[in-house]
Amino acid sequence: MKNSIIRQLFLIPGLLFIDLIIMIVVGIVSNIFGADDLFFCTTYCNFGIVLLVLTFLFPVFMLLKFRFHHEING
């Protein structure tokens, strides 16, 4: 269990960096295609919020899955 927690602590910064790269690419591409302020204030922000929430829920889900898998299998 301790090894899994340490792995999760290294996973979160990596996922946040990937999220940053995704948001930068989406921002640049949408700006090239002429997105206006309405897009960046609504769709882009909502996409970023959803991506951030999923990023923080993924390690929690993996930790719970690991814990229940080991409780069932002994």
PDB file of N, CA and C in Angstrom:
ATOM      1  N   MET A   1       0.834  -1.197   0.000  1.00  0.00           N
ATOM      2  CA  MET A   1       0.000   0.000   0.000  1.00  0.00           C
ATOM      3  C   MET A   1       0.875   1.257   0.000  1.00  0.00           C
ATOM      4  N   LYS A   2       1.966   1.219   0.772  1.00  0.00           N
ATOM      5  CA  LYS A   2       2.834   2.384   0.851  1.00  0.00           C
ATOM      6  C   LYS A   2       3.484   2.683  -0.502  1.00  0.00           C
ATOM      7  N   ASN A   3       3.878   1.634  -1.211  1.00  0.00           N
ATOM      8  CA  ASN A   3       4.476   1.794  -2.530  1.00  0.00           C
ATOM      9  C   ASN A   3       3.485   2.417  -3.506  1.00  0.00           C
ATOM     10  N   SER A   4       2.222   2.051  -3.396  1.00  0.00           N
ATOM     11  CA  SER A   4       1.197   2.594  -4.281  1.00  0.00           C
ATOM     12  C   SER A   4       0.972   4.085  -4.029  1.00  0.00           C
ATOM     13  N   ILE A   5       1.009   4.486  -2.771  1.00  0.00           N
ATOM     14  CA  ILE A   5       0.822   5.903  -2.436  1.00  0.00           C
ATOM     15  C   ILE A   5       1.986   6.734  -2.972  1.00  0.00           C
ATOM     16  N   ILE A   6       3.190   6.221  -2.845  1.00  0.00           N
ATOM     17  CA  ILE A   6       4.364   6.934  -3.368  1.00  0.00           C
ATOM     18  C   ILE A   6       4.275   7.055  -4.879  1.00  0.00           C
ATOM     19  N   ARG A   7       3.828   5.996  -5.546  1.00  0.00           N
ATOM     20  CA  ARG A   7       3.666   6.036  -7.002  1.00  0.00           C
ATOM     21  C   ARG A   7       2.624   7.091  -7.397  1.00  0.00           C
ATOM     22  N   GLN A   8       1.548   7.187  -6.627  1.00  0.00           N
ATOM     23  CA  GLN A   8       0.511   8.175  -6.919  1.00  0.00           C
ATOM     24  C   GLN A   8       1.040   9.595  -6.735  1.00  0.00           C
ATOM     25  N   LEU A   9       1.925   9.800  -5.761  1.00  0.00           N
ATOM     26  CA  LEU A   9       2.493  11.127  -5.540  1.00  0.00           C
ATOM     27  C   LEU A   9       3.359  11.577  -6.711  1.00  0.00           C
ATOM     28  N   PHE A  10       3.974  10.635  -7.415  1.00  0.00           N
ATOM     29  CA  PHE A  10       4.741  10.984  -8.606  1.00  0.00           C
ATOM     30  C   PHE A  10       3.858  11.062  -9.848  1.00  0.00           C
ATOM     31  N   LEU A  11       2.717  10.415  -9.813  1.00  0.00           N
ATOM     32  CA  LEU A  11       1.820  10.405 -10.959  1.00  0.00           C
ATOM     33  C   LEU A  11       1.084  11.737 -11.114  1.00  0.00           C
ATOM     34  N   ILE A  12       0.680  12.343 -10.021  1.00  0.00           N
ATOM     35  CA  ILE A  12      -0.113  13.578 -10.072  1.00  0.00           C
ATOM     36  C   ILE A  12       0.633  14.722 -10.772  1.00  0.00           C
ATOM     37  N   PRO A  13       1.888  15.031 -10.420  1.00  0.00           N
ATOM     38  CA  PRO A  13       2.577  16.105 -11.159  1.00  0.00           C
ATOM     39  C   PRO A  13       2.749  15.798 -12.643  1.00  0.00           C
ATOM     40  N   GLY A  14       2.980  14.545 -12.974  1.00  0.00           N
ATOM     41  CA  GLY A  14       3.099  14.174 -14.384  1.00  0.00           C
ATOM     42  C   GLY A  14       1.809  14.404 -15.140  1.00  0.00           C
ATOM     43  N   LEU A  15       0.695  14.027 -14.527  1.00  0.00           N
ATOM     44  CA  LEU A  15      -0.604  14.252 -15.163  1.00  0.00           C
ATOM     45  C   LEU A  15      -0.923  15.743 -15.278  1.00  0.00           C
ATOM     46  N   LEU A  16      -0.559  16.522 -14.283  1.00  0.00           N
ATOM     47  CA  LEU A  16      -0.789  17.967 -14.357  1.00  0.00           C
ATOM     48  C   LEU A  16       0.038  18.604 -15.466  1.00  0.00           C
ATOM     49  N   PHE A  17       1.261  18.114 -15.671  1.00  0.00           N
ATOM     50  CA  PHE A  17       2.082  18.621 -16.765  1.00  0.00           C
ATOM     51  C   PHE A  17       1.461  18.282 -18.107  1.00  0.00           C
ATOM     52  N   ILE A  18       0.948  17.068 -18.243  1.00  0.00           N
ATOM     53  CA  ILE A  18       0.275  16.672 -19.482  1.00  0.00           C
ATOM     54  C   ILE A  18      -0.970  17.526 -19.708  1.00  0.00           C
ATOM     55  N   ASP A  19      -1.707  17.825 -18.630  1.00  0.00           N
ATOM     56  CA  ASP A  19      -2.872  18.710 -18.744  1.00  0.00           C
ATOM     57  C   ASP A  19      -2.466  20.093 -19.231  1.00  0.00           C
ATOM     58  N   LEU A  20      -1.356  20.589 -18.719  1.00  0.00           N
ATOM     59  CA  LEU A  20      -0.866  21.900 -19.142  1.00  0.00           C
ATOM     60  C   LEU A  20      -0.543  21.903 -20.633  1.00  0.00           C
ATOM     61  N   ILE A  21       0.123  20.868 -21.087  1.00  0.00           N
ATOM     62  CA  ILE A  21       0.468  20.766 -22.511  1.00  0.00           C
ATOM     63  C   ILE A  21      -0.803  20.685 -23.364  1.00  0.00           C
ATOM     64  N   ILE A  22      -1.791  19.907 -22.914  1.00  0.00           N
ATOM     65  CA  ILE A  22      -3.060  19.792 -23.651  1.00  0.00           C
ATOM     66  C   ILE A  22      -3.755  21.143 -23.734  1.00  0.00           C
ATOM     67  N   MET A  23      -3.800  21.874 -22.621  1.00  0.00           N
ATOM     68  CA  MET A  23      -4.472  23.177 -22.630  1.00  0.00           C
ATOM     69  C   MET A  23      -3.726  24.179 -23.517  1.00  0.00           C
ATOM     70  N   ILE A  24      -2.413  24.131 -23.521  1.00  0.00           N
ATOM     71  CA  ILE A  24      -1.643  25.025 -24.383  1.00  0.00           C
ATOM     72  C   ILE A  24      -1.921  24.725 -25.853  1.00  0.00           C
ATOM     73  N   VAL A  25      -1.914  23.444 -26.214  1.00  0.00           N
ATOM     74  CA  VAL A  25      -2.151  23.064 -27.610  1.00  0.00           C
ATOM     75  C   VAL A  25      -3.568  23.444 -28.036  1.00  0.00           C
ATOM     76  N   VAL A  26      -4.551  23.173 -27.193  1.00  0.00           N
ATOM     77  CA  VAL A  26      -5.938  23.523 -27.531  1.00  0.00           C
ATOM     78  C   VAL A  26      -6.077  25.039 -27.669  1.00  0.00           C
ATOM     79  N   GLY A  27      -5.434  25.795 -26.793  1.00  0.00           N
ATOM     80  CA  GLY A  27      -5.491  27.254 -26.873  1.00  0.00           C
ATOM     81  C   GLY A  27      -4.855  27.802 -28.131  1.00  0.00           C
ATOM     82  N   ILE A  28      -3.704  27.265 -28.487  1.00  0.00           N
ATOM     83  CA  ILE A  28      -3.005  27.734 -29.687  1.00  0.00           C
ATOM     84  C   ILE A  28      -3.801  27.394 -30.947  1.00  0.00           C
ATOM     85  N   VAL A  29      -4.285  26.149 -31.024  1.00  0.00           N
ATOM     86  CA  VAL A  29      -5.037  25.731 -32.209  1.00  0.00           C
ATOM     87  C   VAL A  29      -6.326  26.531 -32.353  1.00  0.00           C
ATOM     88  N   SER A  30      -7.025  26.730 -31.251  1.00  0.00           N
ATOM     89  CA  SER A  30      -8.280  27.486 -31.334  1.00  0.00           C
ATOM     90  C   SER A  30      -8.016  28.947 -31.675  1.00  0.00           C
ATOM     91  N   ASN A  31      -6.909  29.492 -31.221  1.00  0.00           N
ATOM     92  CA  ASN A  31      -6.569  30.868 -31.572  1.00  0.00           C
ATOM     93  C   ASN A  31      -6.212  30.971 -33.053  1.00  0.00           C
ATOM     94  N   ILE A  32      -5.510  29.977 -33.583  1.00  0.00           N
ATOM     95  CA  ILE A  32      -5.174  29.971 -35.011  1.00  0.00           C
ATOM     96  C   ILE A  32      -6.434  29.924 -35.865  1.00  0.00           C
ATOM     97  N   PHE A  33      -7.429  29.146 -35.418  1.00  0.00           N
ATOM     98  CA  PHE A  33      -8.674  29.041 -36.176  1.00  0.00           C
ATOM     99  C   PHE A  33      -9.648  30.177 -35.888  1.00  0.00           C
ATOM    100  N   GLY A  34      -9.227  31.162 -35.115  1.00  0.00           N
ATOM    101  CA  GLY A  34     -10.004  32.379 -34.943  1.00  0.00           C
ATOM    102  C   GLY A  34     -11.062  32.340 -33.857  1.00  0.00           C
ATOM    103  N   ALA A  35     -10.809  31.618 -32.785  1.00  0.00           N
ATOM    104  CA  ALA A  35     -11.770  31.599 -31.678  1.00  0.00           C
ATOM    105  C   ALA A  35     -11.808  32.974 -31.016  1.00  0.00           C
ATOM    106  N   ASP A  36     -12.993  33.369 -30.598  1.00  0.00           N
ATOM    107  CA  ASP A  36     -13.150  34.678 -29.981  1.00  0.00           C
ATOM    108  C   ASP A  36     -13.166  34.547 -28.456  1.00  0.00           C
ATOM    109  N   ASP A  37     -13.429  35.672 -27.786  1.00  0.00           N
ATOM    110  CA  ASP A  37     -13.432  35.694 -26.323  1.00  0.00           C
ATOM    111  C   ASP A  37     -14.520  34.814 -25.729  1.00  0.00           C
ATOM    112  N   LEU A  38     -15.634  34.687 -26.417  1.00  0.00           N
ATOM    113  CA  LEU A  38     -16.725  33.858 -25.915  1.00  0.00           C
ATOM    114  C   LEU A  38     -16.298  32.399 -25.799  1.00  0.00           C
ATOM    115  N   PHE A  39     -15.537  31.912 -26.769  1.00  0.00           N
ATOM    116  CA  PHE A  39     -15.038  30.538 -26.717  1.00  0.00           C
ATOM    117  C   PHE A  39     -14.115  30.344 -25.522  1.00  0.00           C
ATOM    118  N   PHE A  40     -13.188  31.280 -25.331  1.00  0.00           N
ATOM    119  CA  PHE A  40     -12.220  31.126 -24.251  1.00  0.00           C
ATOM    120  C   PHE A  40     -12.852  31.307 -22.880  1.00  0.00           C
ATOM    121  N   CYS A  41     -13.918  32.083 -22.786  1.00  0.00           N
ATOM    122  CA  CYS A  41     -14.573  32.293 -21.493  1.00  0.00           C
ATOM    123  C   CYS A  41     -15.576  31.193 -21.155  1.00  0.00           C
ATOM    124  N   THR A  42     -15.999  30.415 -22.120  1.00  0.00           N
ATOM    125  CA  THR A  42     -16.987  29.370 -21.837  1.00  0.00           C
ATOM    126  C   THR A  42     -16.429  27.978 -22.086  1.00  0.00           C
ATOM    127  N   THR A  43     -16.269  27.604 -23.319  1.00  0.00           N
ATOM    128  CA  THR A  43     -15.881  26.240 -23.683  1.00  0.00           C
ATOM    129  C   THR A  43     -14.479  25.897 -23.189  1.00  0.00           C
ATOM    130  N   TYR A  44     -13.524  26.779 -23.411  1.00  0.00           N
ATOM    131  CA  TYR A  44     -12.141  26.512 -23.027  1.00  0.00           C
ATOM    132  C   TYR A  44     -12.007  26.385 -21.509  1.00  0.00           C
ATOM    133  N   CYS A  45     -12.652  27.280 -20.776  1.00  0.00           N
ATOM    134  CA  CYS A  45     -12.582  27.217 -19.309  1.00  0.00           C
ATOM    135  C   CYS A  45     -13.279  25.971 -18.779  1.00  0.00           C
ATOM    136  N   ASN A  46     -14.428  25.633 -19.325  1.00  0.00           N
ATOM    137  CA  ASN A  46     -15.126  24.427 -18.877  1.00  0.00           C
ATOM    138  C   ASN A  46     -14.317  23.174 -19.200  1.00  0.00           C
ATOM    139  N   PHE A  47     -13.680  23.136 -20.364  1.00  0.00           N
ATOM    140  CA  PHE A  47     -12.818  22.006 -20.720  1.00  0.00           C
ATOM    141  C   PHE A  47     -11.658  21.885 -19.732  1.00  0.00           C
ATOM    142  N   GLY A  48     -11.061  22.996 -19.364  1.00  0.00           N
ATOM    143  CA  GLY A  48      -9.958  22.988 -18.407  1.00  0.00           C
ATOM    144  C   GLY A  48     -10.386  22.524 -17.028  1.00  0.00           C
ATOM    145  N   ILE A  49     -11.558  22.943 -16.590  1.00  0.00           N
ATOM    146  CA  ILE A  49     -12.064  22.530 -15.284  1.00  0.00           C
ATOM    147  C   ILE A  49     -12.340  21.030 -15.267  1.00  0.00           C
ATOM    148  N   VAL A  50     -12.983  20.529 -16.310  1.00  0.00           N
ATOM    149  CA  VAL A  50     -13.279  19.091 -16.393  1.00  0.00           C
ATOM    150  C   VAL A  50     -11.980  18.288 -16.439  1.00  0.00           C
ATOM    151  N   LEU A  51     -11.012  18.738 -17.211  1.00  0.00           N
ATOM    152  CA  LEU A  51      -9.731  18.049 -17.308  1.00  0.00           C
ATOM    153  C   LEU A  51      -9.010  18.023 -15.963  1.00  0.00           C
ATOM    154  N   LEU A  52      -9.046  19.115 -15.234  1.00  0.00           N
ATOM    155  CA  LEU A  52      -8.399  19.191 -13.924  1.00  0.00           C
ATOM    156  C   LEU A  52      -9.081  18.287 -12.904  1.00  0.00           C
ATOM    157  N   VAL A  53     -10.413  18.269 -12.901  1.00  0.00           N
ATOM    158  CA  VAL A  53     -11.147  17.410 -11.970  1.00  0.00           C
ATOM    159  C   VAL A  53     -10.866  15.937 -12.275  1.00  0.00           C
ATOM    160  N   LEU A  54     -10.878  15.576 -13.550  1.00  0.00           N
ATOM    161  CA  LEU A  54     -10.580  14.189 -13.919  1.00  0.00           C
ATOM    162  C   LEU A  54      -9.150  13.805 -13.568  1.00  0.00           C
ATOM    163  N   THR A  55      -8.244  14.748 -13.662  1.00  0.00           N
ATOM    164  CA  THR A  55      -6.850  14.480 -13.316  1.00  0.00           C
ATOM    165  C   THR A  55      -6.710  14.152 -11.832  1.00  0.00           C
ATOM    166  N   PHE A  56      -7.446  14.854 -10.981  1.00  0.00           N
ATOM    167  CA  PHE A  56      -7.351  14.583  -9.550  1.00  0.00           C
ATOM    168  C   PHE A  56      -8.184  13.374  -9.132  1.00  0.00           C
ATOM    169  N   LEU A  57      -9.198  13.031  -9.893  1.00  0.00           N
ATOM    170  CA  LEU A  57      -9.999  11.854  -9.558  1.00  0.00           C
ATOM    171  C   LEU A  57      -9.345  10.557 -10.021  1.00  0.00           C
ATOM    172  N   PHE A  58      -8.539  10.601 -11.060  1.00  0.00           N
ATOM    173  CA  PHE A  58      -7.904   9.397 -11.581  1.00  0.00           C
ATOM    174  C   PHE A  58      -7.002   8.710 -10.550  1.00  0.00           C
ATOM    175  N   PRO A  59      -6.084   9.423  -9.872  1.00  0.00           N
ATOM    176  CA  PRO A  59      -5.263   8.737  -8.862  1.00  0.00           C
ATOM    177  C   PRO A  59      -6.086   8.210  -7.693  1.00  0.00           C
ATOM    178  N   VAL A  60      -7.134   8.928  -7.309  1.00  0.00           N
ATOM    179  CA  VAL A  60      -7.999   8.450  -6.221  1.00  0.00           C
ATOM    180  C   VAL A  60      -8.689   7.158  -6.651  1.00  0.00           C
ATOM    181  N   PHE A  61      -9.181   7.127  -7.874  1.00  0.00           N
ATOM    182  CA  PHE A  61      -9.814   5.924  -8.397  1.00  0.00           C
ATOM    183  C   PHE A  61      -8.829   4.759  -8.432  1.00  0.00           C
ATOM    184  N   MET A  62      -7.612   5.002  -8.894  1.00  0.00           N
ATOM    185  CA  MET A  62      -6.608   3.941  -8.966  1.00  0.00           C
ATOM    186  C   MET A  62      -6.229   3.440  -7.578  1.00  0.00           C
ATOM    187  N   LEU A  63      -6.149   4.344  -6.599  1.00  0.00           N
ATOM    188  CA  LEU A  63      -5.820   3.948  -5.236  1.00  0.00           C
ATOM    189  C   LEU A  63      -6.928   3.098  -4.631  1.00  0.00           C
ATOM    190  N   LEU A  64      -8.178   3.487  -4.849  1.00  0.00           N
ATOM    191  CA  LEU A  64      -9.300   2.704  -4.338  1.00  0.00           C
ATOM    192  C   LEU A  64      -9.393   1.351  -5.028  1.00  0.00           C
ATOM    193  N   LYS A  65      -9.139   1.329  -6.314  1.00  0.00           N
ATOM    194  CA  LYS A  65      -9.154   0.069  -7.059  1.00  0.00           C
ATOM    195  C   LYS A  65      -8.068  -0.872  -6.536  1.00  0.00           C
ATOM    196  N   PHE A  66      -6.884  -0.336  -6.290  1.00  0.00           N
ATOM    197  CA  PHE A  66      -5.781  -1.134  -5.759  1.00  0.00           C
ATOM    198  C   PHE A  66      -6.120  -1.677  -4.375  1.00  0.00           C
ATOM    199  N   ARG A  67      -6.718  -0.836  -3.541  1.00  0.00           N
ATOM    200  CA  ARG A  67      -7.037  -1.241  -2.176  1.00  0.00           C
ATOM    201  C   ARG A  67      -8.099  -2.330  -2.155  1.00  0.00           C
ATOM    202  N   PHE A  68      -9.184  -2.155  -2.893  1.00  0.00           N
ATOM    203  CA  PHE A  68     -10.254  -3.155  -2.889  1.00  0.00           C
ATOM    204  C   PHE A  68      -9.827  -4.445  -3.582  1.00  0.00           C
ATOM    205  N   HIS A  69      -8.935  -4.346  -4.563  1.00  0.00           N
ATOM    206  CA  HIS A  69      -8.443  -5.550  -5.233  1.00  0.00           C
ATOM    207  C   HIS A  69      -7.640  -6.414  -4.252  1.00  0.00           C
ATOM    208  N   HIS A  70      -6.846  -5.766  -3.399  1.00  0.00           N
ATOM    209  CA  HIS A  70      -6.034  -6.505  -2.439  1.00  0.00           C
ATOM    210  C   HIS A  70      -6.868  -7.024  -1.266  1.00  0.00           C
ATOM    211  N   GLU A  71      -7.961  -6.328  -0.913  1.00  0.00           N
ATOM    212  CA  GLU A  71      -8.825  -6.822   0.158  1.00  0.00           C
ATOM    213  C   GLU A  71      -9.600  -8.064  -0.296  1.00  0.00           C
ATOM    214  N   ILE A  72      -9.996  -8.089  -1.553  1.00  0.00           N
ATOM    215  CA  ILE A  72     -10.750  -9.228  -2.071  1.00  0.00           C
ATOM    216  C   ILE A  72      -9.838 -10.440  -2.242  1.00  0.00           C
ATOM    217  N   ASN A  73      -8.639 -10.212  -2.791  1.00  0.00           N
ATOM    218  CA  ASN A  73      -7.735 -11.323  -3.093  1.00  0.00           C
ATOM    219  C   ASN A  73      -6.839 -11.726  -1.923  1.00  0.00           C
ATOM    220  N   GLY A  74      -6.934 -11.029  -0.826  1.00  0.00           N
ATOM    221  CA  GLY A  74      -6.180 -11.426   0.349  1.00  0.00           C
ATOM    222  C   GLY A  74      -4.945 -10.735   0.493  1.00  0.00           C
TER     223      GLY A  74
END
